[in-house]
Amino acid sequence: MFSVKGGTASSPMTGLPGYILGSAGPSGFGASSTADQSARVLASRGAEVIIAARDPAKAAAAAGKIKAQHPSATVSTLQLDLSSLESVKAAAEQYVAGGKPLHVLMLNAGVMACPYGLTKDGHETQFGTNHLGHFALVHRLQGVLEATARSSGEPGRVVVLASSAHFGPYMPEGVRSEETIDSKEGYSPWGAYGQSKLCNVLFARNPSHL
C-alpha cells in the first residue's frame, strides 16, 4: 500500500467519504470474497464504491446486494477485464471521462493456480492478469489519483491485495526471466501464482520501478 504523494501509507483510514474503485475477480463476488467484503464495508461507511469486474451482470448483482443491505450506499460498476490491456485502457479512459475524483484504488482481482494459458496480449495468464493488468490500471489512473490528492489535501491510496503465496514462487529465481516468463515449458500453476503475488508485493513496495 503506498501514497501517491510518496512513501508508505501506514496510518489507518478514518473517515471514508470519497470515491473508491475496486477490481473484482473473474468469478465475480462471493459472500466471503475479499472484493465483496471490501466493497460492502466501504460502502456502508460512506464511500462511493465503483466495482470494476469482467462480468457486468455479476458486478451489477453485487452492487444491488450491497444497496439492499445498505440503502444509503452509493455503488456503481465498471467493466474491466484485467487479462486484456485494451480492456484496462478502455476502463481507465471511461472512468477519467466521467470526471469523478479517485481517492482509493483497491487491487482485489486475480486468478489462482489455473492451467497454463495466455492472456489476449500473449502473457502467461496469472502474470498477465494478477500483475500486468493491475500495473497498467494503476498507471492509467495515476493522474486522477494525484489530482484528487492535490485537491483534497489527503494522500490517495493504492491498496494491493497480496498473499502468503508470494513466499512460494518459482525457485530459485522468484520471478522468471523475460525470455521464459510466458513460456509453457516448466510452467507450474502454483509457482506462477506465487510469482504473480511476489510481483504484487514488489510493485506495492516500489511502484515506479516494476
N, C-alpha and C. Protein backbone atom coordinates (compact mmCIF):
# COMPACT_ATOMS: atom_id res chain seq x y z
N MET A 1 0.86 -1.18 0.00
CA MET A 1 0.00 0.00 0.00
C MET A 1 0.90 1.23 0.00
N PHE A 2 0.66 2.19 -0.88
CA PHE A 2 1.51 3.35 -0.91
C PHE A 2 0.69 4.60 -1.17
N SER A 3 1.27 5.72 -0.82
CA SER A 3 0.63 7.01 -1.02
C SER A 3 1.08 7.58 -2.35
N VAL A 4 0.17 8.17 -3.10
CA VAL A 4 0.58 8.77 -4.36
C VAL A 4 1.36 10.05 -4.13
N LYS A 5 1.42 10.52 -2.88
CA LYS A 5 2.28 11.65 -2.56
C LYS A 5 3.70 11.19 -2.26
N GLY A 6 3.89 9.88 -2.23
CA GLY A 6 5.21 9.33 -1.99
C GLY A 6 5.31 8.70 -0.62
N GLY A 7 6.12 7.66 -0.50
CA GLY A 7 6.29 7.00 0.78
C GLY A 7 5.28 5.89 0.97
N THR A 8 5.21 5.41 2.20
CA THR A 8 4.32 4.31 2.53
C THR A 8 3.17 4.79 3.39
N ALA A 9 1.94 4.40 3.03
CA ALA A 9 0.76 4.79 3.79
C ALA A 9 0.52 3.73 4.86
N SER A 10 0.90 4.02 6.10
CA SER A 10 0.74 3.04 7.16
C SER A 10 -0.36 3.40 8.14
N SER A 11 -0.85 4.63 8.09
CA SER A 11 -1.90 5.05 9.01
C SER A 11 -3.25 4.53 8.56
N PRO A 12 -4.14 4.18 9.49
CA PRO A 12 -5.46 3.67 9.11
C PRO A 12 -6.32 4.75 8.50
N MET A 13 -7.22 4.35 7.62
CA MET A 13 -8.17 5.29 7.05
C MET A 13 -9.26 5.53 8.08
N THR A 14 -9.62 6.78 8.28
CA THR A 14 -10.64 7.10 9.28
C THR A 14 -11.96 7.37 8.58
N GLY A 15 -12.25 8.65 8.27
CA GLY A 15 -13.48 8.94 7.54
C GLY A 15 -13.38 8.40 6.13
N LEU A 16 -14.49 7.95 5.57
CA LEU A 16 -14.44 7.32 4.26
C LEU A 16 -15.29 7.99 3.19
N PRO A 17 -15.61 9.27 3.29
CA PRO A 17 -16.28 9.87 2.15
C PRO A 17 -15.27 9.97 1.02
N GLY A 18 -15.64 9.60 -0.16
CA GLY A 18 -14.71 9.63 -1.28
C GLY A 18 -15.02 8.52 -2.25
N TYR A 19 -14.28 8.49 -3.34
CA TYR A 19 -14.51 7.52 -4.41
C TYR A 19 -13.46 6.42 -4.33
N ILE A 20 -13.93 5.18 -4.26
CA ILE A 20 -13.05 4.03 -4.15
C ILE A 20 -13.37 3.06 -5.28
N LEU A 21 -12.38 2.78 -6.11
CA LEU A 21 -12.54 1.85 -7.22
C LEU A 21 -11.84 0.55 -6.85
N GLY A 22 -12.59 -0.56 -6.90
CA GLY A 22 -12.01 -1.85 -6.55
C GLY A 22 -12.19 -2.84 -7.68
N SER A 23 -11.14 -3.61 -7.98
CA SER A 23 -11.24 -4.63 -9.02
C SER A 23 -11.73 -5.94 -8.42
N ALA A 24 -12.52 -6.68 -9.18
CA ALA A 24 -13.07 -7.96 -8.73
C ALA A 24 -12.61 -9.06 -9.66
N GLY A 25 -12.51 -10.27 -9.13
CA GLY A 25 -12.00 -11.40 -9.89
C GLY A 25 -12.95 -11.88 -10.97
N PRO A 26 -12.48 -12.78 -11.84
CA PRO A 26 -13.29 -13.26 -12.97
C PRO A 26 -14.52 -14.03 -12.54
N SER A 27 -14.53 -14.57 -11.33
CA SER A 27 -15.70 -15.32 -10.87
C SER A 27 -16.72 -14.42 -10.20
N GLY A 28 -16.43 -13.10 -10.20
CA GLY A 28 -17.37 -12.17 -9.61
C GLY A 28 -17.22 -12.09 -8.11
N PHE A 29 -18.32 -11.87 -7.41
CA PHE A 29 -18.31 -11.67 -5.98
C PHE A 29 -18.95 -12.85 -5.28
N GLY A 30 -18.28 -13.36 -4.28
CA GLY A 30 -18.86 -14.36 -3.40
C GLY A 30 -19.05 -13.73 -2.04
N ALA A 31 -19.92 -14.29 -1.23
CA ALA A 31 -20.24 -13.68 0.05
C ALA A 31 -19.01 -13.51 0.93
N SER A 32 -18.02 -14.39 0.77
CA SER A 32 -16.84 -14.32 1.62
C SER A 32 -15.61 -13.79 0.89
N SER A 33 -15.78 -13.34 -0.36
CA SER A 33 -14.62 -12.88 -1.12
C SER A 33 -14.12 -11.55 -0.58
N THR A 34 -12.82 -11.33 -0.76
CA THR A 34 -12.24 -10.07 -0.30
C THR A 34 -12.87 -8.89 -1.00
N ALA A 35 -13.11 -9.02 -2.31
CA ALA A 35 -13.71 -7.93 -3.06
C ALA A 35 -15.10 -7.60 -2.53
N ASP A 36 -15.90 -8.63 -2.26
CA ASP A 36 -17.25 -8.42 -1.74
C ASP A 36 -17.22 -7.75 -0.38
N GLN A 37 -16.40 -8.28 0.51
CA GLN A 37 -16.33 -7.73 1.86
C GLN A 37 -15.82 -6.30 1.84
N SER A 38 -14.81 -6.03 1.03
CA SER A 38 -14.27 -4.68 0.95
C SER A 38 -15.32 -3.70 0.45
N ALA A 39 -15.98 -4.05 -0.64
CA ALA A 39 -17.00 -3.16 -1.22
C ALA A 39 -18.13 -2.91 -0.24
N ARG A 40 -18.58 -3.97 0.42
CA ARG A 40 -19.71 -3.84 1.35
C ARG A 40 -19.36 -2.94 2.53
N VAL A 41 -18.22 -3.17 3.15
CA VAL A 41 -17.83 -2.39 4.33
C VAL A 41 -17.56 -0.93 3.96
N LEU A 42 -16.84 -0.71 2.88
CA LEU A 42 -16.52 0.66 2.48
C LEU A 42 -17.78 1.44 2.11
N ALA A 43 -18.69 0.80 1.38
CA ALA A 43 -19.94 1.47 1.01
C ALA A 43 -20.77 1.78 2.23
N SER A 44 -20.77 0.88 3.20
CA SER A 44 -21.57 1.09 4.41
C SER A 44 -21.03 2.23 5.26
N ARG A 45 -19.78 2.61 5.02
CA ARG A 45 -19.15 3.67 5.80
C ARG A 45 -19.07 4.99 5.06
N GLY A 46 -19.80 5.09 3.96
CA GLY A 46 -19.94 6.38 3.31
C GLY A 46 -19.14 6.60 2.05
N ALA A 47 -18.30 5.64 1.67
CA ALA A 47 -17.54 5.80 0.44
C ALA A 47 -18.42 5.51 -0.76
N GLU A 48 -18.15 6.17 -1.88
CA GLU A 48 -18.81 5.81 -3.13
C GLU A 48 -17.95 4.74 -3.79
N VAL A 49 -18.47 3.54 -3.90
CA VAL A 49 -17.70 2.39 -4.37
C VAL A 49 -18.01 2.09 -5.83
N ILE A 50 -16.97 1.91 -6.61
CA ILE A 50 -17.12 1.51 -8.01
C ILE A 50 -16.54 0.11 -8.15
N ILE A 51 -17.38 -0.85 -8.51
CA ILE A 51 -16.95 -2.24 -8.67
C ILE A 51 -16.52 -2.45 -10.12
N ALA A 52 -15.24 -2.74 -10.31
CA ALA A 52 -14.71 -2.98 -11.65
C ALA A 52 -14.54 -4.48 -11.85
N ALA A 53 -15.28 -5.05 -12.80
CA ALA A 53 -15.26 -6.50 -12.98
C ALA A 53 -15.45 -6.88 -14.44
N ARG A 54 -15.05 -8.10 -14.78
CA ARG A 54 -15.15 -8.58 -16.16
C ARG A 54 -16.61 -8.79 -16.57
N ASP A 55 -17.41 -9.33 -15.66
CA ASP A 55 -18.80 -9.68 -15.96
C ASP A 55 -19.74 -8.59 -15.44
N PRO A 56 -20.31 -7.76 -16.31
CA PRO A 56 -21.18 -6.68 -15.86
C PRO A 56 -22.38 -7.16 -15.06
N ALA A 57 -22.94 -8.31 -15.43
CA ALA A 57 -24.13 -8.82 -14.74
C ALA A 57 -23.80 -9.18 -13.30
N LYS A 58 -22.67 -9.85 -13.09
CA LYS A 58 -22.27 -10.22 -11.74
C LYS A 58 -21.93 -8.98 -10.91
N ALA A 59 -21.29 -8.01 -11.53
CA ALA A 59 -20.97 -6.77 -10.82
C ALA A 59 -22.24 -6.04 -10.41
N ALA A 60 -23.21 -5.99 -11.33
CA ALA A 60 -24.48 -5.32 -11.03
C ALA A 60 -25.23 -6.04 -9.91
N ALA A 61 -25.17 -7.37 -9.92
CA ALA A 61 -25.83 -8.14 -8.86
C ALA A 61 -25.18 -7.87 -7.51
N ALA A 62 -23.85 -7.77 -7.50
CA ALA A 62 -23.15 -7.47 -6.26
C ALA A 62 -23.50 -6.08 -5.75
N ALA A 63 -23.56 -5.11 -6.68
CA ALA A 63 -23.93 -3.75 -6.30
C ALA A 63 -25.35 -3.71 -5.74
N GLY A 64 -26.26 -4.45 -6.37
CA GLY A 64 -27.64 -4.49 -5.89
C GLY A 64 -27.75 -5.09 -4.51
N LYS A 65 -26.96 -6.11 -4.24
CA LYS A 65 -26.97 -6.74 -2.92
C LYS A 65 -26.49 -5.78 -1.85
N ILE A 66 -25.44 -5.04 -2.16
CA ILE A 66 -24.92 -4.06 -1.20
C ILE A 66 -25.96 -2.98 -0.92
N LYS A 67 -26.62 -2.51 -1.97
CA LYS A 67 -27.64 -1.47 -1.79
C LYS A 67 -28.82 -1.99 -1.00
N ALA A 68 -29.15 -3.26 -1.18
CA ALA A 68 -30.26 -3.85 -0.41
C ALA A 68 -29.92 -3.91 1.07
N GLN A 69 -28.66 -4.20 1.37
CA GLN A 69 -28.22 -4.28 2.76
C GLN A 69 -28.00 -2.91 3.37
N HIS A 70 -27.59 -1.96 2.53
CA HIS A 70 -27.28 -0.60 2.99
C HIS A 70 -27.94 0.39 2.04
N PRO A 71 -29.20 0.72 2.25
CA PRO A 71 -29.96 1.54 1.30
C PRO A 71 -29.32 2.89 0.98
N SER A 72 -28.55 3.44 1.89
CA SER A 72 -27.94 4.75 1.63
C SER A 72 -26.62 4.64 0.88
N ALA A 73 -26.16 3.43 0.62
CA ALA A 73 -24.87 3.23 -0.05
C ALA A 73 -24.93 3.67 -1.51
N THR A 74 -23.80 4.16 -2.00
CA THR A 74 -23.67 4.54 -3.40
C THR A 74 -22.67 3.59 -4.05
N VAL A 75 -23.18 2.75 -4.94
CA VAL A 75 -22.34 1.73 -5.58
C VAL A 75 -22.63 1.72 -7.08
N SER A 76 -21.59 1.75 -7.88
CA SER A 76 -21.75 1.66 -9.34
C SER A 76 -20.77 0.61 -9.87
N THR A 77 -20.81 0.37 -11.16
CA THR A 77 -19.97 -0.67 -11.75
C THR A 77 -19.20 -0.14 -12.95
N LEU A 78 -18.13 -0.85 -13.27
CA LEU A 78 -17.29 -0.51 -14.42
C LEU A 78 -16.78 -1.82 -15.01
N GLN A 79 -16.94 -2.00 -16.30
CA GLN A 79 -16.47 -3.25 -16.92
C GLN A 79 -14.95 -3.21 -17.07
N LEU A 80 -14.29 -4.26 -16.59
CA LEU A 80 -12.83 -4.33 -16.62
C LEU A 80 -12.40 -5.79 -16.71
N ASP A 81 -11.64 -6.11 -17.73
CA ASP A 81 -11.05 -7.43 -17.88
C ASP A 81 -9.54 -7.26 -17.77
N LEU A 82 -8.98 -7.65 -16.64
CA LEU A 82 -7.56 -7.43 -16.39
C LEU A 82 -6.66 -8.29 -17.27
N SER A 83 -7.22 -9.30 -17.92
CA SER A 83 -6.41 -10.13 -18.81
C SER A 83 -6.26 -9.50 -20.19
N SER A 84 -6.84 -8.32 -20.38
CA SER A 84 -6.76 -7.60 -21.65
C SER A 84 -6.31 -6.17 -21.40
N LEU A 85 -5.15 -5.80 -21.89
CA LEU A 85 -4.66 -4.44 -21.69
C LEU A 85 -5.53 -3.43 -22.42
N GLU A 86 -6.18 -3.86 -23.49
CA GLU A 86 -7.11 -2.97 -24.19
C GLU A 86 -8.32 -2.68 -23.32
N SER A 87 -8.81 -3.70 -22.59
CA SER A 87 -9.93 -3.50 -21.67
C SER A 87 -9.52 -2.59 -20.52
N VAL A 88 -8.31 -2.77 -20.01
CA VAL A 88 -7.81 -1.89 -18.94
C VAL A 88 -7.78 -0.45 -19.43
N LYS A 89 -7.28 -0.24 -20.62
CA LYS A 89 -7.21 1.10 -21.21
C LYS A 89 -8.61 1.69 -21.33
N ALA A 90 -9.55 0.91 -21.85
CA ALA A 90 -10.92 1.40 -22.04
C ALA A 90 -11.58 1.73 -20.71
N ALA A 91 -11.38 0.88 -19.70
CA ALA A 91 -11.98 1.12 -18.39
C ALA A 91 -11.43 2.38 -17.76
N ALA A 92 -10.12 2.56 -17.84
CA ALA A 92 -9.50 3.75 -17.26
C ALA A 92 -9.97 5.01 -17.98
N GLU A 93 -10.03 4.95 -19.29
CA GLU A 93 -10.49 6.11 -20.06
C GLU A 93 -11.95 6.44 -19.73
N GLN A 94 -12.77 5.40 -19.56
CA GLN A 94 -14.17 5.63 -19.21
C GLN A 94 -14.28 6.29 -17.84
N TYR A 95 -13.46 5.83 -16.89
CA TYR A 95 -13.51 6.43 -15.56
C TYR A 95 -13.07 7.89 -15.60
N VAL A 96 -11.98 8.16 -16.27
CA VAL A 96 -11.46 9.53 -16.35
C VAL A 96 -12.47 10.43 -17.05
N ALA A 97 -13.08 9.93 -18.12
CA ALA A 97 -14.06 10.73 -18.87
C ALA A 97 -15.27 11.07 -18.02
N GLY A 98 -15.57 10.25 -17.02
CA GLY A 98 -16.71 10.52 -16.14
C GLY A 98 -16.50 11.70 -15.22
N GLY A 99 -15.26 12.14 -15.09
CA GLY A 99 -14.97 13.34 -14.31
C GLY A 99 -15.00 13.16 -12.80
N LYS A 100 -15.07 11.92 -12.33
CA LYS A 100 -15.09 11.70 -10.88
C LYS A 100 -13.68 11.72 -10.31
N PRO A 101 -13.54 12.15 -9.07
CA PRO A 101 -12.23 12.02 -8.41
C PRO A 101 -11.98 10.56 -8.07
N LEU A 102 -10.81 10.26 -7.57
CA LEU A 102 -10.49 8.90 -7.14
C LEU A 102 -9.57 8.98 -5.93
N HIS A 103 -10.10 8.55 -4.80
CA HIS A 103 -9.34 8.62 -3.56
C HIS A 103 -8.56 7.35 -3.26
N VAL A 104 -9.14 6.21 -3.61
CA VAL A 104 -8.52 4.91 -3.32
C VAL A 104 -8.72 3.97 -4.50
N LEU A 105 -7.67 3.26 -4.86
CA LEU A 105 -7.75 2.22 -5.88
C LEU A 105 -7.37 0.90 -5.21
N MET A 106 -8.30 -0.04 -5.16
CA MET A 106 -8.07 -1.32 -4.50
C MET A 106 -7.91 -2.42 -5.55
N LEU A 107 -6.78 -3.09 -5.50
CA LEU A 107 -6.47 -4.13 -6.47
C LEU A 107 -6.77 -5.50 -5.85
N ASN A 108 -8.03 -5.92 -5.99
CA ASN A 108 -8.51 -7.16 -5.38
C ASN A 108 -8.47 -8.36 -6.31
N ALA A 109 -8.63 -8.12 -7.60
CA ALA A 109 -8.90 -9.21 -8.54
C ALA A 109 -7.69 -10.11 -8.76
N GLY A 110 -7.97 -11.31 -9.22
CA GLY A 110 -6.88 -12.21 -9.57
C GLY A 110 -7.39 -13.59 -9.94
N VAL A 111 -6.54 -14.34 -10.61
CA VAL A 111 -6.80 -15.75 -10.90
C VAL A 111 -5.77 -16.56 -10.13
N MET A 112 -6.11 -17.81 -9.79
CA MET A 112 -5.23 -18.57 -8.91
C MET A 112 -5.00 -19.99 -9.40
N ALA A 113 -3.72 -20.33 -9.55
CA ALA A 113 -3.29 -21.70 -9.82
C ALA A 113 -4.03 -22.35 -10.98
N CYS A 114 -4.26 -21.59 -12.03
CA CYS A 114 -5.00 -22.11 -13.18
C CYS A 114 -4.06 -22.84 -14.15
N PRO A 115 -4.62 -23.67 -15.02
CA PRO A 115 -3.79 -24.33 -16.04
C PRO A 115 -3.09 -23.30 -16.91
N TYR A 116 -2.03 -23.71 -17.57
CA TYR A 116 -1.29 -22.79 -18.42
C TYR A 116 -2.18 -22.20 -19.51
N GLY A 117 -2.01 -20.92 -19.71
CA GLY A 117 -2.73 -20.23 -20.77
C GLY A 117 -2.10 -18.87 -20.98
N LEU A 118 -2.56 -18.18 -22.00
CA LEU A 118 -2.05 -16.86 -22.32
C LEU A 118 -3.19 -15.85 -22.32
N THR A 119 -2.88 -14.63 -21.93
CA THR A 119 -3.85 -13.55 -21.99
C THR A 119 -4.04 -13.13 -23.45
N LYS A 120 -4.95 -12.22 -23.68
CA LYS A 120 -5.19 -11.72 -25.03
C LYS A 120 -3.97 -11.02 -25.60
N ASP A 121 -3.06 -10.60 -24.71
CA ASP A 121 -1.86 -9.90 -25.14
C ASP A 121 -0.64 -10.82 -25.20
N GLY A 122 -0.87 -12.13 -24.98
CA GLY A 122 0.21 -13.09 -25.12
C GLY A 122 1.06 -13.32 -23.89
N HIS A 123 0.57 -12.90 -22.73
CA HIS A 123 1.31 -13.11 -21.48
C HIS A 123 0.72 -14.29 -20.72
N GLU A 124 1.57 -15.00 -19.97
CA GLU A 124 1.08 -16.09 -19.12
C GLU A 124 -0.06 -15.57 -18.27
N THR A 125 -1.13 -16.34 -18.16
CA THR A 125 -2.40 -15.85 -17.62
C THR A 125 -2.30 -15.22 -16.23
N GLN A 126 -1.64 -15.89 -15.30
CA GLN A 126 -1.61 -15.37 -13.94
C GLN A 126 -0.73 -14.13 -13.83
N PHE A 127 0.42 -14.14 -14.49
CA PHE A 127 1.29 -12.97 -14.50
C PHE A 127 0.60 -11.80 -15.20
N GLY A 128 -0.03 -12.09 -16.34
CA GLY A 128 -0.68 -11.04 -17.11
C GLY A 128 -1.87 -10.43 -16.41
N THR A 129 -2.67 -11.27 -15.73
CA THR A 129 -3.88 -10.79 -15.06
C THR A 129 -3.57 -10.17 -13.70
N ASN A 130 -2.87 -10.93 -12.86
CA ASN A 130 -2.67 -10.50 -11.48
C ASN A 130 -1.70 -9.34 -11.35
N HIS A 131 -0.69 -9.31 -12.22
CA HIS A 131 0.29 -8.23 -12.12
C HIS A 131 0.17 -7.20 -13.24
N LEU A 132 0.33 -7.63 -14.49
CA LEU A 132 0.38 -6.65 -15.58
C LEU A 132 -0.91 -5.86 -15.72
N GLY A 133 -2.05 -6.53 -15.57
CA GLY A 133 -3.32 -5.81 -15.68
C GLY A 133 -3.46 -4.74 -14.62
N HIS A 134 -3.11 -5.09 -13.38
CA HIS A 134 -3.19 -4.11 -12.30
C HIS A 134 -2.13 -3.01 -12.45
N PHE A 135 -0.94 -3.40 -12.88
CA PHE A 135 0.12 -2.42 -13.13
C PHE A 135 -0.36 -1.36 -14.13
N ALA A 136 -0.96 -1.83 -15.22
CA ALA A 136 -1.45 -0.90 -16.24
C ALA A 136 -2.59 -0.04 -15.71
N LEU A 137 -3.47 -0.63 -14.91
CA LEU A 137 -4.60 0.12 -14.36
C LEU A 137 -4.11 1.24 -13.45
N VAL A 138 -3.16 0.94 -12.58
CA VAL A 138 -2.63 1.96 -11.68
C VAL A 138 -2.02 3.11 -12.46
N HIS A 139 -1.21 2.80 -13.44
CA HIS A 139 -0.53 3.86 -14.17
C HIS A 139 -1.49 4.66 -15.05
N ARG A 140 -2.55 4.05 -15.52
CA ARG A 140 -3.53 4.80 -16.31
C ARG A 140 -4.42 5.68 -15.43
N LEU A 141 -4.55 5.33 -14.16
CA LEU A 141 -5.37 6.14 -13.24
C LEU A 141 -4.52 6.98 -12.30
N GLN A 142 -3.22 6.93 -12.45
CA GLN A 142 -2.33 7.68 -11.56
C GLN A 142 -2.62 9.17 -11.59
N GLY A 143 -2.90 9.69 -12.78
CA GLY A 143 -3.15 11.12 -12.91
C GLY A 143 -4.34 11.58 -12.09
N VAL A 144 -5.45 10.84 -12.14
CA VAL A 144 -6.64 11.24 -11.39
C VAL A 144 -6.44 11.02 -9.90
N LEU A 145 -5.67 10.00 -9.51
CA LEU A 145 -5.33 9.81 -8.10
C LEU A 145 -4.54 11.00 -7.57
N GLU A 146 -3.55 11.42 -8.33
CA GLU A 146 -2.72 12.54 -7.91
C GLU A 146 -3.51 13.85 -7.89
N ALA A 147 -4.36 14.05 -8.89
CA ALA A 147 -5.17 15.27 -8.93
C ALA A 147 -6.13 15.32 -7.75
N THR A 148 -6.73 14.18 -7.41
CA THR A 148 -7.63 14.11 -6.27
C THR A 148 -6.89 14.39 -4.97
N ALA A 149 -5.68 13.85 -4.84
CA ALA A 149 -4.88 14.09 -3.64
C ALA A 149 -4.55 15.57 -3.50
N ARG A 150 -4.22 16.21 -4.60
CA ARG A 150 -3.90 17.65 -4.54
C ARG A 150 -5.12 18.47 -4.15
N SER A 151 -6.25 18.17 -4.74
CA SER A 151 -7.45 18.98 -4.48
C SER A 151 -8.04 18.73 -3.10
N SER A 152 -7.90 17.51 -2.60
CA SER A 152 -8.49 17.18 -1.30
C SER A 152 -7.55 17.43 -0.13
N GLY A 153 -6.26 17.50 -0.43
CA GLY A 153 -5.29 17.65 0.65
C GLY A 153 -5.01 16.37 1.40
N GLU A 154 -5.57 15.27 0.92
CA GLU A 154 -5.36 13.97 1.55
C GLU A 154 -4.65 13.03 0.57
N PRO A 155 -3.70 12.25 1.06
CA PRO A 155 -3.00 11.34 0.14
C PRO A 155 -3.92 10.28 -0.43
N GLY A 156 -3.82 10.05 -1.72
CA GLY A 156 -4.55 8.95 -2.32
C GLY A 156 -3.88 7.64 -1.96
N ARG A 157 -4.59 6.54 -2.16
CA ARG A 157 -4.02 5.24 -1.80
C ARG A 157 -4.27 4.22 -2.90
N VAL A 158 -3.26 3.40 -3.09
CA VAL A 158 -3.41 2.20 -3.91
C VAL A 158 -3.19 1.03 -2.97
N VAL A 159 -4.21 0.20 -2.82
CA VAL A 159 -4.16 -0.95 -1.92
C VAL A 159 -3.99 -2.21 -2.76
N VAL A 160 -2.91 -2.92 -2.55
CA VAL A 160 -2.60 -4.12 -3.33
C VAL A 160 -2.86 -5.36 -2.48
N LEU A 161 -3.75 -6.21 -2.95
CA LEU A 161 -4.04 -7.45 -2.23
C LEU A 161 -2.94 -8.47 -2.52
N ALA A 162 -2.20 -8.82 -1.49
CA ALA A 162 -1.11 -9.78 -1.64
C ALA A 162 -1.55 -11.13 -1.08
N SER A 163 -0.61 -12.02 -0.88
CA SER A 163 -0.90 -13.36 -0.38
C SER A 163 0.39 -13.96 0.15
N SER A 164 0.25 -14.85 1.14
CA SER A 164 1.44 -15.55 1.62
C SER A 164 2.04 -16.43 0.53
N ALA A 165 1.27 -16.63 -0.54
CA ALA A 165 1.79 -17.41 -1.68
C ALA A 165 2.99 -16.74 -2.32
N HIS A 166 3.22 -15.46 -2.01
CA HIS A 166 4.38 -14.80 -2.61
C HIS A 166 5.69 -15.39 -2.07
N PHE A 167 5.59 -16.17 -0.98
CA PHE A 167 6.77 -16.87 -0.47
C PHE A 167 7.07 -18.15 -1.27
N GLY A 168 6.16 -18.53 -2.17
CA GLY A 168 6.34 -19.76 -2.92
C GLY A 168 6.30 -19.59 -4.42
N PRO A 169 7.08 -18.67 -4.97
CA PRO A 169 7.12 -18.52 -6.43
C PRO A 169 8.05 -19.57 -7.04
N TYR A 170 8.38 -19.40 -8.30
CA TYR A 170 9.37 -20.27 -8.92
C TYR A 170 10.69 -20.16 -8.16
N MET A 171 11.34 -21.28 -7.97
CA MET A 171 12.63 -21.29 -7.29
C MET A 171 13.72 -21.79 -8.25
N PRO A 172 14.91 -21.19 -8.19
CA PRO A 172 15.36 -20.20 -7.21
C PRO A 172 15.16 -18.76 -7.65
N GLU A 173 14.64 -18.54 -8.88
CA GLU A 173 14.64 -17.19 -9.43
C GLU A 173 13.58 -16.26 -8.85
N GLY A 174 12.50 -16.81 -8.32
CA GLY A 174 11.42 -15.96 -7.81
C GLY A 174 10.52 -15.51 -8.94
N VAL A 175 11.04 -14.62 -9.78
CA VAL A 175 10.34 -14.18 -10.98
C VAL A 175 11.15 -14.66 -12.18
N ARG A 176 10.51 -15.39 -13.06
CA ARG A 176 11.21 -15.94 -14.22
C ARG A 176 11.73 -14.83 -15.13
N SER A 177 12.68 -15.16 -15.96
CA SER A 177 13.30 -14.17 -16.83
C SER A 177 12.32 -13.71 -17.91
N GLU A 178 12.66 -12.62 -18.55
CA GLU A 178 11.83 -12.09 -19.62
C GLU A 178 11.66 -13.11 -20.74
N GLU A 179 12.67 -13.95 -20.94
CA GLU A 179 12.62 -14.93 -22.01
C GLU A 179 11.72 -16.12 -21.68
N THR A 180 11.53 -16.42 -20.39
CA THR A 180 10.79 -17.63 -20.00
C THR A 180 9.49 -17.37 -19.26
N ILE A 181 9.21 -16.13 -18.89
CA ILE A 181 8.07 -15.88 -18.00
C ILE A 181 6.74 -16.25 -18.63
N ASP A 182 6.64 -16.20 -19.95
CA ASP A 182 5.38 -16.53 -20.62
C ASP A 182 5.39 -17.93 -21.23
N SER A 183 6.46 -18.67 -21.00
CA SER A 183 6.63 -19.98 -21.64
C SER A 183 5.85 -21.08 -20.93
N LYS A 184 5.37 -22.04 -21.72
CA LYS A 184 4.70 -23.20 -21.15
C LYS A 184 5.69 -24.17 -20.54
N GLU A 185 6.91 -24.18 -21.05
CA GLU A 185 7.94 -25.09 -20.55
C GLU A 185 8.26 -24.77 -19.08
N GLY A 186 8.15 -25.76 -18.23
CA GLY A 186 8.45 -25.56 -16.81
C GLY A 186 7.34 -24.88 -16.04
N TYR A 187 6.17 -24.71 -16.69
CA TYR A 187 5.07 -23.99 -16.02
C TYR A 187 4.55 -24.77 -14.82
N SER A 188 4.34 -24.06 -13.73
CA SER A 188 3.74 -24.62 -12.52
C SER A 188 2.58 -23.72 -12.11
N PRO A 189 1.36 -24.24 -11.98
CA PRO A 189 0.22 -23.39 -11.59
C PRO A 189 0.47 -22.62 -10.30
N TRP A 190 0.99 -23.30 -9.28
CA TRP A 190 1.22 -22.62 -8.01
C TRP A 190 2.48 -21.77 -8.04
N GLY A 191 3.49 -22.21 -8.79
CA GLY A 191 4.68 -21.37 -8.94
C GLY A 191 4.35 -20.07 -9.64
N ALA A 192 3.51 -20.16 -10.68
CA ALA A 192 3.10 -18.97 -11.42
C ALA A 192 2.25 -18.05 -10.55
N TYR A 193 1.39 -18.65 -9.72
CA TYR A 193 0.58 -17.82 -8.83
C TYR A 193 1.47 -17.11 -7.82
N GLY A 194 2.40 -17.86 -7.20
CA GLY A 194 3.32 -17.24 -6.26
C GLY A 194 4.14 -16.15 -6.90
N GLN A 195 4.56 -16.38 -8.14
CA GLN A 195 5.30 -15.36 -8.88
C GLN A 195 4.47 -14.10 -9.06
N SER A 196 3.20 -14.26 -9.42
CA SER A 196 2.34 -13.09 -9.64
C SER A 196 2.12 -12.33 -8.34
N LYS A 197 2.00 -13.05 -7.22
CA LYS A 197 1.81 -12.40 -5.93
C LYS A 197 3.10 -11.72 -5.47
N LEU A 198 4.25 -12.32 -5.79
CA LEU A 198 5.52 -11.66 -5.49
C LEU A 198 5.63 -10.36 -6.28
N CYS A 199 5.20 -10.39 -7.53
CA CYS A 199 5.19 -9.16 -8.34
C CYS A 199 4.29 -8.11 -7.70
N ASN A 200 3.13 -8.52 -7.16
CA ASN A 200 2.24 -7.58 -6.47
C ASN A 200 2.95 -6.93 -5.30
N VAL A 201 3.66 -7.74 -4.50
CA VAL A 201 4.36 -7.21 -3.33
C VAL A 201 5.47 -6.25 -3.75
N LEU A 202 6.25 -6.64 -4.75
CA LEU A 202 7.32 -5.77 -5.23
C LEU A 202 6.77 -4.47 -5.80
N PHE A 203 5.65 -4.56 -6.49
CA PHE A 203 5.01 -3.37 -7.05
C PHE A 203 4.54 -2.44 -5.94
N ALA A 204 3.94 -3.00 -4.90
CA ALA A 204 3.46 -2.18 -3.78
C ALA A 204 4.62 -1.49 -3.07
N ARG A 205 5.75 -2.17 -2.99
CA ARG A 205 6.90 -1.60 -2.30
C ARG A 205 7.61 -0.54 -3.13
N ASN A 206 7.57 -0.67 -4.44
CA ASN A 206 8.30 0.26 -5.29
C ASN A 206 7.56 0.43 -6.61
N PRO A 207 6.42 1.12 -6.58
CA PRO A 207 5.52 1.16 -7.74
C PRO A 207 6.08 1.80 -8.99
N SER A 208 7.08 2.63 -8.86
CA SER A 208 7.59 3.34 -10.04
C SER A 208 8.71 2.58 -10.75
N HIS A 209 9.12 1.41 -10.19
CA HIS A 209 10.28 0.72 -10.75
C HIS A 209 10.01 -0.72 -11.13
N LEU A 210 8.75 -1.12 -11.26
CA LEU A 210 8.48 -2.52 -11.63
C LEU A 210 7.57 -2.57 -12.85
